[in-house]
Amino acid sequence: MMKKLLLFLLTLFISASVFACCSSGGISCLTNTNKLSPNGQIVIVFYGHALKYIPALNKKYPVYLKAASGNVTLLPADSFLCDNLKQIVFKPAKKLRIGETYALTIDSLHKGDFLEKRFLQNGVWEHYNFLVTGLPDLTPPVFAAQPIEISQSTGKNNSAHAWNFAYSCRCKTDSTPIVLVTVTNKNSGKEQKFLKRVYKGTISIGGSICSSDFSLEANQEVTFRLMDHSGNLGKASKRLPVAITDDREGR
């Protein structure tokens, strides 16, 4: 009886922990650089409960770049919805000044909510500050080689609650690009689009019980387009299948 009670309480604790994790939220920045061109853009991610801020951005919650010469409002230019998070591409309301450092700022957030800092390779956390350098960037980034699948993994017993596909991503660009990912259902034609960072030459897409980049379905394929921090879009990659393959599990 005591064992059953302990097991029941443990189950409740684990369930509550998972729920708390999945129901949390925050605000982060997908733009992974400390330099911008004068026509640079910034991608901000709103997750979980932070989605509530989106309808009142730049009304009740100003979004802007703060600098010594004055603030520059950031205007929404595009957005991508992935499960319980939304990625919004912001562009400055006016051209940024070369040589100026701008701090990404969102005002009037509720107590306990804040724009997360970024983690640097030297182990330091810092606010999102951007130094504007060079002339406006108008050159689309290109792949040095076509992406290929390099690994895939799934949850225990191929659980659809956890999966990941990793693809190679070699780029010809001076900036740190992000990638516009399009997953298409070949049967229905339904497209799911979202942005991902390139990390050490790899793009990883997938999902878990808490959040997913896309809904994993039968007969899907994926394409990638490089996008630099000025909003220049490169050509789409070749189409690649997105499917769990048993003989490659855990590869």
C-alpha atoms as a PDB file:
ATOM      1  CA  MET A   1       0.000   0.000   0.000  1.00  0.00           C
ATOM      2  CA  MET A   2       2.798   2.372   0.953  1.00  0.00           C
ATOM      3  CA  LYS A   3       4.640   1.573  -2.314  1.00  0.00           C
ATOM      4  CA  LYS A   4       1.513   2.355  -4.319  1.00  0.00           C
ATOM      5  CA  LEU A   5       1.057   5.653  -2.472  1.00  0.00           C
ATOM      6  CA  LEU A   6       4.671   6.655  -3.063  1.00  0.00           C
ATOM      7  CA  LEU A   7       4.397   5.733  -6.735  1.00  0.00           C
ATOM      8  CA  PHE A   8       1.210   7.785  -7.040  1.00  0.00           C
ATOM      9  CA  LEU A   9       2.818  10.827  -5.397  1.00  0.00           C
ATOM     10  CA  LEU A  10       5.930  10.476  -7.580  1.00  0.00           C
ATOM     11  CA  THR A  11       3.755  10.320 -10.695  1.00  0.00           C
ATOM     12  CA  LEU A  12       1.937  13.473  -9.632  1.00  0.00           C
ATOM     13  CA  PHE A  13       5.260  15.234  -8.997  1.00  0.00           C
ATOM     14  CA  ILE A  14       6.697  14.282 -12.391  1.00  0.00           C
ATOM     15  CA  SER A  15       3.492  15.269 -14.177  1.00  0.00           C
ATOM     16  CA  ALA A  16       3.418  18.614 -12.388  1.00  0.00           C
ATOM     17  CA  SER A  17       7.080  19.225 -13.223  1.00  0.00           C
ATOM     18  CA  VAL A  18       6.513  18.486 -16.906  1.00  0.00           C
ATOM     19  CA  PHE A  19       3.421  20.672 -16.968  1.00  0.00           C
ATOM     20  CA  ALA A  20       5.260  23.530 -15.271  1.00  0.00           C
ATOM     21  CA  CYS A  21       8.108  23.272 -17.776  1.00  0.00           C
ATOM     22  CA  CYS A  22       5.792  23.119 -20.784  1.00  0.00           C
ATOM     23  CA  SER A  23       3.540  25.910 -19.585  1.00  0.00           C
ATOM     24  CA  SER A  24       6.410  28.347 -18.914  1.00  0.00           C
ATOM     25  CA  GLY A  25       7.381  31.051 -21.335  1.00  0.00           C
ATOM     26  CA  GLY A  26       9.841  33.763 -22.157  1.00  0.00           C
ATOM     27  CA  ILE A  27      11.239  36.200 -24.689  1.00  0.00           C
ATOM     28  CA  SER A  28      14.515  35.590 -26.507  1.00  0.00           C
ATOM     29  CA  CYS A  29      16.377  36.806 -29.579  1.00  0.00           C
ATOM     30  CA  LEU A  30      17.203  34.505 -32.487  1.00  0.00           C
ATOM     31  CA  THR A  31      19.625  36.988 -34.044  1.00  0.00           C
ATOM     32  CA  ASN A  32      23.012  35.498 -33.227  1.00  0.00           C
ATOM     33  CA  THR A  33      25.450  38.309 -33.962  1.00  0.00           C
ATOM     34  CA  ASN A  34      26.806  41.421 -32.276  1.00  0.00           C
ATOM     35  CA  LYS A  35      27.044  43.359 -35.545  1.00  0.00           C
ATOM     36  CA  LEU A  36      24.382  44.666 -37.895  1.00  0.00           C
ATOM     37  CA  SER A  37      24.416  46.487 -41.211  1.00  0.00           C
ATOM     38  CA  PRO A  38      22.488  49.795 -41.461  1.00  0.00           C
ATOM     39  CA  ASN A  39      19.524  47.852 -42.904  1.00  0.00           C
ATOM     40  CA  GLY A  40      19.827  45.041 -40.372  1.00  0.00           C
ATOM     41  CA  GLN A  41      16.860  43.171 -38.935  1.00  0.00           C
ATOM     42  CA  ILE A  42      16.287  41.340 -35.646  1.00  0.00           C
ATOM     43  CA  VAL A  43      14.242  38.216 -34.865  1.00  0.00           C
ATOM     44  CA  ILE A  44      12.550  38.050 -31.445  1.00  0.00           C
ATOM     45  CA  VAL A  45      10.903  34.869 -30.147  1.00  0.00           C
ATOM     46  CA  PHE A  46       7.884  34.910 -27.824  1.00  0.00           C
ATOM     47  CA  TYR A  47       7.232  31.602 -26.071  1.00  0.00           C
ATOM     48  CA  GLY A  48       4.387  30.264 -23.916  1.00  0.00           C
ATOM     49  CA  HIS A  49       2.775  32.886 -21.689  1.00  0.00           C
ATOM     50  CA  ALA A  50       4.852  35.639 -23.358  1.00  0.00           C
ATOM     51  CA  LEU A  51       2.661  35.312 -26.465  1.00  0.00           C
ATOM     52  CA  LYS A  52       0.212  37.600 -24.654  1.00  0.00           C
ATOM     53  CA  TYR A  53       2.462  40.600 -25.356  1.00  0.00           C
ATOM     54  CA  ILE A  54       2.310  40.328 -29.133  1.00  0.00           C
ATOM     55  CA  PRO A  55      -1.038  42.091 -29.832  1.00  0.00           C
ATOM     56  CA  ALA A  56       0.131  45.187 -27.917  1.00  0.00           C
ATOM     57  CA  LEU A  57       3.737  45.437 -29.119  1.00  0.00           C
ATOM     58  CA  ASN A  58       4.727  49.065 -29.832  1.00  0.00           C
ATOM     59  CA  LYS A  59       1.506  50.170 -28.177  1.00  0.00           C
ATOM     60  CA  LYS A  60       1.673  49.086 -24.555  1.00  0.00           C
ATOM     61  CA  TYR A  61       5.045  47.358 -24.924  1.00  0.00           C
ATOM     62  CA  PRO A  62       7.510  49.431 -27.015  1.00  0.00           C
ATOM     63  CA  VAL A  63      10.138  47.462 -28.965  1.00  0.00           C
ATOM     64  CA  TYR A  64      13.152  49.497 -30.007  1.00  0.00           C
ATOM     65  CA  LEU A  65      16.911  49.817 -30.352  1.00  0.00           C
ATOM     66  CA  LYS A  66      18.354  52.128 -27.723  1.00  0.00           C
ATOM     67  CA  ALA A  67      21.399  54.269 -28.539  1.00  0.00           C
ATOM     68  CA  ALA A  68      23.152  57.443 -27.415  1.00  0.00           C
ATOM     69  CA  SER A  69      21.916  59.256 -30.515  1.00  0.00           C
ATOM     70  CA  GLY A  70      18.293  58.275 -29.843  1.00  0.00           C
ATOM     71  CA  ASN A  71      15.961  55.312 -29.966  1.00  0.00           C
ATOM     72  CA  VAL A  72      14.894  53.568 -33.166  1.00  0.00           C
ATOM     73  CA  THR A  73      11.527  51.800 -33.167  1.00  0.00           C
ATOM     74  CA  LEU A  74      11.456  48.219 -34.431  1.00  0.00           C
ATOM     75  CA  LEU A  75       8.509  47.388 -36.693  1.00  0.00           C
ATOM     76  CA  PRO A  76       7.174  43.845 -37.306  1.00  0.00           C
ATOM     77  CA  ALA A  77       7.905  42.770 -40.904  1.00  0.00           C
ATOM     78  CA  ASP A  78       7.132  39.036 -40.837  1.00  0.00           C
ATOM     79  CA  SER A  79       6.304  36.262 -38.399  1.00  0.00           C
ATOM     80  CA  PHE A  80       6.331  32.482 -38.059  1.00  0.00           C
ATOM     81  CA  LEU A  81       4.217  30.434 -35.651  1.00  0.00           C
ATOM     82  CA  CYS A  82       5.658  27.173 -34.318  1.00  0.00           C
ATOM     83  CA  ASP A  83       3.528  25.263 -31.841  1.00  0.00           C
ATOM     84  CA  ASN A  84       3.494  27.461 -28.706  1.00  0.00           C
ATOM     85  CA  LEU A  85       6.030  30.041 -29.809  1.00  0.00           C
ATOM     86  CA  LYS A  86       6.055  32.835 -32.362  1.00  0.00           C
ATOM     87  CA  GLN A  87       9.084  34.248 -34.173  1.00  0.00           C
ATOM     88  CA  ILE A  88       8.737  37.879 -35.263  1.00  0.00           C
ATOM     89  CA  VAL A  89      11.107  39.578 -37.707  1.00  0.00           C
ATOM     90  CA  PHE A  90      11.569  43.245 -36.813  1.00  0.00           C
ATOM     91  CA  LYS A  91      13.046  45.947 -39.023  1.00  0.00           C
ATOM     92  CA  PRO A  92      14.181  49.415 -37.865  1.00  0.00           C
ATOM     93  CA  ALA A  93      11.799  52.270 -38.644  1.00  0.00           C
ATOM     94  CA  LYS A  94      14.799  54.167 -40.046  1.00  0.00           C
ATOM     95  CA  LYS A  95      18.320  53.376 -41.209  1.00  0.00           C
ATOM     96  CA  LEU A  96      20.732  52.651 -38.373  1.00  0.00           C
ATOM     97  CA  ARG A  97      23.811  54.854 -37.928  1.00  0.00           C
ATOM     98  CA  ILE A  98      27.189  53.339 -38.801  1.00  0.00           C
ATOM     99  CA  GLY A  99      29.474  53.162 -35.769  1.00  0.00           C
ATOM    100  CA  GLU A 100      26.597  53.349 -33.272  1.00  0.00           C
ATOM    101  CA  THR A 101      25.915  50.610 -30.729  1.00  0.00           C
ATOM    102  CA  TYR A 102      22.248  49.775 -30.175  1.00  0.00           C
ATOM    103  CA  ALA A 103      20.710  47.849 -27.277  1.00  0.00           C
ATOM    104  CA  LEU A 104      17.637  45.723 -27.966  1.00  0.00           C
ATOM    105  CA  THR A 105      14.906  46.834 -25.567  1.00  0.00           C
ATOM    106  CA  ILE A 106      11.281  45.924 -24.781  1.00  0.00           C
ATOM    107  CA  ASP A 107       9.635  48.211 -22.237  1.00  0.00           C
ATOM    108  CA  SER A 108       6.815  47.772 -19.704  1.00  0.00           C
ATOM    109  CA  LEU A 109       6.953  43.973 -19.449  1.00  0.00           C
ATOM    110  CA  HIS A 110       5.219  42.466 -16.429  1.00  0.00           C
ATOM    111  CA  LYS A 111       7.216  41.743 -13.294  1.00  0.00           C
ATOM    112  CA  GLY A 112       9.258  38.592 -13.754  1.00  0.00           C
ATOM    113  CA  ASP A 113       9.295  38.813 -17.562  1.00  0.00           C
ATOM    114  CA  PHE A 114      12.334  40.071 -19.439  1.00  0.00           C
ATOM    115  CA  LEU A 115      14.271  39.710 -22.664  1.00  0.00           C
ATOM    116  CA  GLU A 116      16.658  36.823 -22.044  1.00  0.00           C
ATOM    117  CA  LYS A 117      20.380  37.448 -22.325  1.00  0.00           C
ATOM    118  CA  ARG A 118      22.534  35.559 -24.788  1.00  0.00           C
ATOM    119  CA  PHE A 119      25.226  33.066 -23.868  1.00  0.00           C
ATOM    120  CA  LEU A 120      28.622  33.692 -25.401  1.00  0.00           C
ATOM    121  CA  GLN A 121      31.240  31.076 -26.243  1.00  0.00           C
ATOM    122  CA  ASN A 122      33.479  32.389 -23.462  1.00  0.00           C
ATOM    123  CA  GLY A 123      30.792  31.469 -20.921  1.00  0.00           C
ATOM    124  CA  VAL A 124      29.514  35.015 -20.347  1.00  0.00           C
ATOM    125  CA  TRP A 125      25.871  36.110 -20.470  1.00  0.00           C
ATOM    126  CA  GLU A 126      25.230  39.532 -21.997  1.00  0.00           C
ATOM    127  CA  HIS A 127      22.423  41.782 -23.166  1.00  0.00           C
ATOM    128  CA  TYR A 128      21.718  42.040 -26.895  1.00  0.00           C
ATOM    129  CA  ASN A 129      23.858  44.919 -28.121  1.00  0.00           C
ATOM    130  CA  PHE A 130      24.565  45.480 -31.811  1.00  0.00           C
ATOM    131  CA  LEU A 131      27.326  47.549 -33.395  1.00  0.00           C
ATOM    132  CA  VAL A 132      26.332  48.900 -36.814  1.00  0.00           C
ATOM    133  CA  THR A 133      29.128  48.456 -39.334  1.00  0.00           C
ATOM    134  CA  GLY A 134      29.687  48.834 -43.075  1.00  0.00           C
ATOM    135  CA  LEU A 135      27.263  49.726 -45.814  1.00  0.00           C
ATOM    136  CA  PRO A 136      23.752  48.317 -46.297  1.00  0.00           C
ATOM    137  CA  ASP A 137      23.994  44.622 -47.152  1.00  0.00           C
ATOM    138  CA  LEU A 138      22.128  43.661 -50.342  1.00  0.00           C
ATOM    139  CA  THR A 139      23.874  40.366 -51.179  1.00  0.00           C
ATOM    140  CA  PRO A 140      21.884  37.136 -50.559  1.00  0.00           C
ATOM    141  CA  PRO A 141      23.804  34.380 -48.729  1.00  0.00           C
ATOM    142  CA  VAL A 142      24.450  31.090 -50.548  1.00  0.00           C
ATOM    143  CA  PHE A 143      25.187  27.495 -49.584  1.00  0.00           C
ATOM    144  CA  ALA A 144      28.762  26.300 -50.066  1.00  0.00           C
ATOM    145  CA  ALA A 145      27.251  22.827 -50.503  1.00  0.00           C
ATOM    146  CA  GLN A 146      23.714  21.475 -50.556  1.00  0.00           C
ATOM    147  CA  PRO A 147      22.414  20.436 -47.099  1.00  0.00           C
ATOM    148  CA  ILE A 148      22.198  16.697 -46.426  1.00  0.00           C
ATOM    149  CA  GLU A 149      20.770  14.776 -43.489  1.00  0.00           C
ATOM    150  CA  ILE A 150      23.553  13.765 -41.126  1.00  0.00           C
ATOM    151  CA  SER A 151      21.586  12.264 -38.222  1.00  0.00           C
ATOM    152  CA  GLN A 152      18.154  11.658 -36.765  1.00  0.00           C
ATOM    153  CA  SER A 153      16.901  10.578 -33.371  1.00  0.00           C
ATOM    154  CA  THR A 154      13.576   9.855 -31.730  1.00  0.00           C
ATOM    155  CA  GLY A 155      12.176   9.358 -28.258  1.00  0.00           C
ATOM    156  CA  LYS A 156      11.924   5.929 -26.694  1.00  0.00           C
ATOM    157  CA  ASN A 157      10.025   3.464 -28.897  1.00  0.00           C
ATOM    158  CA  ASN A 158       9.884   6.084 -31.681  1.00  0.00           C
ATOM    159  CA  SER A 159       7.647   8.289 -29.572  1.00  0.00           C
ATOM    160  CA  ALA A 160       6.266  11.139 -31.676  1.00  0.00           C
ATOM    161  CA  HIS A 161       6.730  13.363 -28.603  1.00  0.00           C
ATOM    162  CA  ALA A 162      10.471  13.693 -29.247  1.00  0.00           C
ATOM    163  CA  TRP A 163      12.301  13.712 -32.545  1.00  0.00           C
ATOM    164  CA  ASN A 164      15.204  15.523 -34.151  1.00  0.00           C
ATOM    165  CA  PHE A 165      16.711  15.745 -37.633  1.00  0.00           C
ATOM    166  CA  ALA A 166      20.138  17.292 -38.187  1.00  0.00           C
ATOM    167  CA  TYR A 167      21.331  18.583 -41.562  1.00  0.00           C
ATOM    168  CA  SER A 168      24.678  19.906 -42.727  1.00  0.00           C
ATOM    169  CA  CYS A 169      24.790  23.646 -43.476  1.00  0.00           C
ATOM    170  CA  ARG A 170      27.889  25.109 -45.079  1.00  0.00           C
ATOM    171  CA  CYS A 171      27.480  28.772 -45.979  1.00  0.00           C
ATOM    172  CA  LYS A 172      29.262  31.359 -48.114  1.00  0.00           C
ATOM    173  CA  THR A 173      28.566  34.528 -46.168  1.00  0.00           C
ATOM    174  CA  ASP A 174      30.430  37.037 -44.014  1.00  0.00           C
ATOM    175  CA  SER A 175      27.587  37.282 -41.514  1.00  0.00           C
ATOM    176  CA  THR A 176      26.042  34.666 -39.232  1.00  0.00           C
ATOM    177  CA  PRO A 177      22.934  33.536 -41.120  1.00  0.00           C
ATOM    178  CA  ILE A 178      19.733  32.033 -39.897  1.00  0.00           C
ATOM    179  CA  VAL A 179      17.722  29.599 -41.973  1.00  0.00           C
ATOM    180  CA  LEU A 180      14.156  29.764 -43.236  1.00  0.00           C
ATOM    181  CA  VAL A 181      12.935  26.175 -43.016  1.00  0.00           C
ATOM    182  CA  THR A 182       9.887  25.002 -44.978  1.00  0.00           C
ATOM    183  CA  VAL A 183       8.377  21.598 -44.220  1.00  0.00           C
ATOM    184  CA  THR A 184       5.799  20.542 -46.811  1.00  0.00           C
ATOM    185  CA  ASN A 185       3.272  17.721 -46.707  1.00  0.00           C
ATOM    186  CA  LYS A 186       3.440  16.267 -50.212  1.00  0.00           C
ATOM    187  CA  ASN A 187      -0.096  14.862 -49.949  1.00  0.00           C
ATOM    188  CA  SER A 188      -1.957  17.987 -48.814  1.00  0.00           C
ATOM    189  CA  GLY A 189       0.497  20.715 -49.860  1.00  0.00           C
ATOM    190  CA  LYS A 190       0.407  22.167 -46.332  1.00  0.00           C
ATOM    191  CA  GLU A 191       3.521  24.177 -45.504  1.00  0.00           C
ATOM    192  CA  GLN A 192       5.042  24.858 -42.097  1.00  0.00           C
ATOM    193  CA  LYS A 193       7.664  27.611 -41.988  1.00  0.00           C
ATOM    194  CA  PHE A 194      10.012  28.626 -39.192  1.00  0.00           C
ATOM    195  CA  LEU A 195      13.478  30.082 -38.580  1.00  0.00           C
ATOM    196  CA  LYS A 196      16.470  28.251 -37.113  1.00  0.00           C
ATOM    197  CA  ARG A 197      20.028  29.155 -36.206  1.00  0.00           C
ATOM    198  CA  VAL A 198      23.033  27.527 -37.825  1.00  0.00           C
ATOM    199  CA  TYR A 199      25.171  25.976 -35.098  1.00  0.00           C
ATOM    200  CA  LYS A 200      28.646  24.649 -35.926  1.00  0.00           C
ATOM    201  CA  GLY A 201      27.663  24.004 -39.517  1.00  0.00           C
ATOM    202  CA  THR A 202      24.456  22.171 -38.608  1.00  0.00           C
ATOM    203  CA  ILE A 203      20.711  22.878 -38.730  1.00  0.00           C
ATOM    204  CA  SER A 204      18.604  20.884 -36.258  1.00  0.00           C
ATOM    205  CA  ILE A 205      14.814  20.682 -36.515  1.00  0.00           C
ATOM    206  CA  GLY A 206      12.434  18.650 -34.385  1.00  0.00           C
ATOM    207  CA  GLY A 207      10.162  18.663 -31.411  1.00  0.00           C
ATOM    208  CA  SER A 208       9.378  17.397 -27.941  1.00  0.00           C
ATOM    209  CA  ILE A 209       6.420  17.060 -25.604  1.00  0.00           C
ATOM    210  CA  CYS A 210       6.750  20.793 -24.768  1.00  0.00           C
ATOM    211  CA  SER A 211       7.336  22.462 -28.114  1.00  0.00           C
ATOM    212  CA  SER A 212       7.859  21.528 -31.751  1.00  0.00           C
ATOM    213  CA  ASP A 213       9.210  23.266 -34.824  1.00  0.00           C
ATOM    214  CA  PHE A 214       6.600  21.456 -36.939  1.00  0.00           C
ATOM    215  CA  SER A 215       4.029  18.678 -36.862  1.00  0.00           C
ATOM    216  CA  LEU A 216       5.649  15.404 -37.907  1.00  0.00           C
ATOM    217  CA  GLU A 217       3.426  13.747 -40.523  1.00  0.00           C
ATOM    218  CA  ALA A 218       3.712  11.122 -43.227  1.00  0.00           C
ATOM    219  CA  ASN A 219       5.192  11.993 -46.635  1.00  0.00           C
ATOM    220  CA  GLN A 220       6.900  15.283 -45.754  1.00  0.00           C
ATOM    221  CA  GLU A 221       9.885  17.050 -47.276  1.00  0.00           C
ATOM    222  CA  VAL A 222      12.006  20.006 -46.193  1.00  0.00           C
ATOM    223  CA  THR A 223      13.820  22.858 -47.924  1.00  0.00           C
ATOM    224  CA  PHE A 224      16.199  25.448 -46.490  1.00  0.00           C
ATOM    225  CA  ARG A 225      16.864  29.072 -47.448  1.00  0.00           C
ATOM    226  CA  LEU A 226      19.676  31.070 -45.882  1.00  0.00           C
ATOM    227  CA  MET A 227      18.648  34.480 -44.565  1.00  0.00           C
ATOM    228  CA  ASP A 228      21.207  36.994 -43.344  1.00  0.00           C
ATOM    229  CA  HIS A 229      20.639  39.687 -40.732  1.00  0.00           C
ATOM    230  CA  SER A 230      19.706  42.218 -43.390  1.00  0.00           C
ATOM    231  CA  GLY A 231      16.809  40.073 -44.562  1.00  0.00           C
ATOM    232  CA  ASN A 232      18.454  38.925 -47.794  1.00  0.00           C
ATOM    233  CA  LEU A 233      17.104  35.492 -48.762  1.00  0.00           C
ATOM    234  CA  GLY A 234      19.176  32.970 -50.656  1.00  0.00           C
ATOM    235  CA  LYS A 235      17.868  30.358 -53.083  1.00  0.00           C
ATOM    236  CA  ALA A 236      16.054  27.330 -51.717  1.00  0.00           C
ATOM    237  CA  SER A 237      17.989  24.105 -51.217  1.00  0.00           C
ATOM    238  CA  LYS A 238      17.052  20.818 -52.821  1.00  0.00           C
ATOM    239  CA  ARG A 239      14.061  19.050 -51.274  1.00  0.00           C
ATOM    240  CA  LEU A 240      14.935  16.433 -48.662  1.00  0.00           C
ATOM    241  CA  PRO A 241      12.623  13.815 -47.083  1.00  0.00           C
ATOM    242  CA  VAL A 242      11.588  14.215 -43.440  1.00  0.00           C
ATOM    243  CA  ALA A 243      10.824  10.765 -42.086  1.00  0.00           C
ATOM    244  CA  ILE A 244      11.797   8.540 -39.183  1.00  0.00           C
ATOM    245  CA  THR A 245      13.795   5.639 -40.599  1.00  0.00           C
ATOM    246  CA  ASP A 246      14.167   2.703 -38.243  1.00  0.00           C
ATOM    247  CA  ASP A 247      17.530   1.516 -39.528  1.00  0.00           C
ATOM    248  CA  ARG A 248      19.006   4.981 -38.902  1.00  0.00           C
ATOM    249  CA  GLU A 249      17.596   5.439 -35.411  1.00  0.00           C
ATOM    250  CA  GLY A 250      20.205   6.810 -33.068  1.00  0.00           C
ATOM    251  CA  ARG A 251      22.675   7.213 -35.889  1.00  0.00           C
END
